[in-house]
Amino acid sequence: MYWNWERTIIVVILIVGALQMYRANHQGAVQAEIVTPLPSYTYGNIVDADIEIPPANFISYEIRLNRTAKLVGRFWTADQKVSVECVVVRADDLEKWKSGESTPTLVSTGRTPGGQTFRQLEPENYYLVISNRRGDKTAAVHVDMSIE
């Protein structure tokens, strides 16, 4: 059998290429990776929408902060005869607030047809609550709140 140097080089290149493809695509033993999900934090707009809150009810928005930030916003009802309350509570205090217990609040506007909120918040988890719990009819409210 007669081999010339061109054929030898081509065969060697093909063998090395096949070994490289096998090595690159070989699965082998897969180690389980532990991936810790990164927590998501609130920034920018929390809510900018028209919402309807049924009587004796409320709507809440979670705020998760990893830095000192400022809560800035405003709200108003479509009907000046309808009043709602804007409250910010710590996440740990939300259940107490829901049950009607006395709860420390960071923001509490009282029942009003509209208002503005400016409050510096420390790194922690909070809830922004728009409440119609003492209302006797559905409240149509525009809420525009954000974190700066």
Protein backbone atom coordinates (compact mmCIF):
# COMPACT_ATOMS: atom_id res chain seq x y z
CA MET A 1 0.00 0.00 0.00
CA TYR A 2 1.34 3.33 -1.04
CA TRP A 3 0.76 6.42 1.22
CA ASN A 4 1.95 9.83 0.31
CA TRP A 5 2.44 12.70 2.74
CA GLU A 6 -0.74 14.58 1.64
CA ARG A 7 -2.97 11.66 2.52
CA THR A 8 -1.18 11.19 5.85
CA ILE A 9 -1.72 14.84 6.82
CA ILE A 10 -5.41 14.71 5.83
CA VAL A 11 -5.99 11.52 7.86
CA VAL A 12 -4.22 13.03 10.91
CA ILE A 13 -6.28 16.25 10.63
CA LEU A 14 -9.52 14.22 10.38
CA ILE A 15 -8.62 12.10 13.41
CA VAL A 16 -7.66 15.15 15.53
CA GLY A 17 -10.84 16.97 14.41
CA ALA A 18 -13.03 13.99 15.32
CA LEU A 19 -11.38 13.73 18.75
CA GLN A 20 -11.89 17.47 19.36
CA MET A 21 -15.58 17.26 18.38
CA TYR A 22 -16.07 14.29 20.68
CA ARG A 23 -14.31 16.05 23.56
CA ALA A 24 -16.28 19.29 23.06
CA ASN A 25 -19.68 17.56 22.87
CA HIS A 26 -19.12 14.84 25.47
CA GLN A 27 -21.53 15.32 28.40
CA GLY A 28 -19.64 13.39 31.04
CA ALA A 29 -20.75 13.62 34.65
CA VAL A 30 -22.94 16.68 35.16
CA GLN A 31 -22.52 18.40 38.49
CA ALA A 32 -25.59 19.93 40.03
CA GLU A 33 -25.26 23.67 40.31
CA ILE A 34 -26.83 25.50 43.18
CA VAL A 35 -28.28 28.68 41.81
CA THR A 36 -29.50 31.19 44.33
CA PRO A 37 -32.06 33.48 42.73
CA LEU A 38 -31.26 37.13 43.09
CA PRO A 39 -33.91 39.08 44.96
CA SER A 40 -35.77 41.67 42.94
CA TYR A 41 -36.08 45.17 44.30
CA THR A 42 -38.56 47.92 43.58
CA TYR A 43 -37.52 50.95 41.58
CA GLY A 44 -39.28 53.34 39.22
CA ASN A 45 -43.06 53.17 38.86
CA ILE A 46 -44.93 51.11 41.41
CA VAL A 47 -48.32 51.85 39.90
CA ASP A 48 -49.70 54.36 37.41
CA ALA A 49 -53.25 53.23 36.69
CA ASP A 50 -56.95 53.74 37.18
CA ILE A 51 -58.17 51.16 39.66
CA GLU A 52 -61.54 50.27 41.13
CA ILE A 53 -61.70 49.27 44.76
CA PRO A 54 -64.93 47.63 45.94
CA PRO A 55 -66.50 48.81 49.21
CA ALA A 56 -64.92 47.42 52.40
CA ASN A 57 -61.84 46.38 50.41
CA PHE A 58 -58.33 47.56 49.53
CA ILE A 59 -55.53 46.99 47.05
CA SER A 60 -51.87 46.67 48.00
CA TYR A 61 -48.56 46.88 46.16
CA GLU A 62 -45.33 45.37 47.49
CA ILE A 63 -42.28 47.62 47.77
CA ARG A 64 -38.90 45.90 48.25
CA LEU A 65 -35.98 48.24 48.86
CA ASN A 66 -32.27 47.49 49.17
CA ARG A 67 -31.36 51.17 49.51
CA THR A 68 -32.77 54.33 51.02
CA ALA A 69 -35.33 55.66 48.56
CA LYS A 70 -38.12 58.19 48.30
CA LEU A 71 -41.75 57.21 47.72
CA VAL A 72 -43.35 59.93 45.63
CA GLY A 73 -46.85 59.97 44.24
CA ARG A 74 -50.41 61.10 44.20
CA PHE A 75 -53.88 59.65 44.00
CA TRP A 76 -57.38 60.96 43.41
CA THR A 77 -60.87 59.57 43.11
CA ALA A 78 -63.08 60.14 40.08
CA ASP A 79 -65.90 61.31 42.37
CA GLN A 80 -65.06 63.96 44.98
CA LYS A 81 -67.73 62.47 47.27
CA VAL A 82 -65.81 59.18 47.48
CA SER A 83 -62.83 59.04 49.85
CA VAL A 84 -60.03 56.49 50.12
CA GLU A 85 -56.99 56.18 52.35
CA CYS A 86 -53.37 55.78 51.28
CA VAL A 87 -51.24 53.86 53.79
CA VAL A 88 -47.66 52.55 53.77
CA VAL A 89 -46.87 49.81 56.30
CA ARG A 90 -43.92 47.53 56.86
CA ALA A 91 -44.40 44.10 55.31
CA ASP A 92 -44.37 42.51 58.78
CA ASP A 93 -47.28 44.73 59.86
CA LEU A 94 -49.58 44.15 56.87
CA GLU A 95 -51.46 41.24 58.42
CA LYS A 96 -52.11 43.24 61.58
CA TRP A 97 -53.33 46.16 59.47
CA LYS A 98 -55.65 43.85 57.49
CA SER A 99 -57.19 42.51 60.70
CA GLY A 100 -57.87 46.03 61.95
CA GLU A 101 -55.35 46.00 64.77
CA SER A 102 -53.52 49.17 65.71
CA THR A 103 -50.54 49.23 63.37
CA PRO A 104 -47.67 51.69 63.02
CA THR A 105 -47.85 53.29 59.59
CA LEU A 106 -45.16 55.22 57.74
CA VAL A 107 -47.72 57.07 55.61
CA SER A 108 -51.39 57.54 56.39
CA THR A 109 -53.39 60.17 54.53
CA GLY A 110 -56.68 59.52 56.28
CA ARG A 111 -59.85 59.25 54.20
CA THR A 112 -59.68 61.82 51.43
CA PRO A 113 -60.72 62.11 47.77
CA GLY A 114 -57.08 62.72 46.79
CA GLY A 115 -53.63 63.47 48.06
CA GLN A 116 -49.88 63.39 47.58
CA THR A 117 -47.20 61.32 49.25
CA PHE A 118 -43.55 62.14 49.79
CA ARG A 119 -41.75 59.81 52.15
CA GLN A 120 -38.17 58.60 52.51
CA LEU A 121 -38.05 54.86 53.15
CA GLU A 122 -35.16 52.86 54.55
CA PRO A 123 -34.03 49.52 53.01
CA GLU A 124 -36.81 47.09 53.96
CA ASN A 125 -39.99 45.56 52.57
CA TYR A 126 -43.19 47.62 52.66
CA TYR A 127 -46.70 47.64 51.26
CA LEU A 128 -48.42 50.59 49.65
CA VAL A 129 -52.13 50.21 50.39
CA ILE A 130 -55.03 52.11 48.83
CA SER A 131 -57.96 51.39 51.14
CA ASN A 132 -61.70 51.68 50.67
CA ARG A 133 -62.42 49.59 53.78
CA ARG A 134 -64.74 52.20 55.26
CA GLY A 135 -66.38 53.05 51.93
CA ASP A 136 -69.96 52.16 51.05
CA LYS A 137 -69.54 52.20 47.25
CA THR A 138 -66.86 51.26 44.73
CA ALA A 139 -64.07 53.82 44.51
CA ALA A 140 -62.62 54.63 41.08
CA VAL A 141 -59.13 55.89 41.88
CA HIS A 142 -56.20 57.01 39.77
CA VAL A 143 -52.94 56.12 41.53
CA ASP A 144 -49.51 57.31 40.37
CA MET A 145 -46.75 56.20 42.78
CA SER A 146 -43.06 55.63 42.18
CA ILE A 147 -39.73 55.10 43.92
CA GLU A 148 -36.97 57.62 43.33
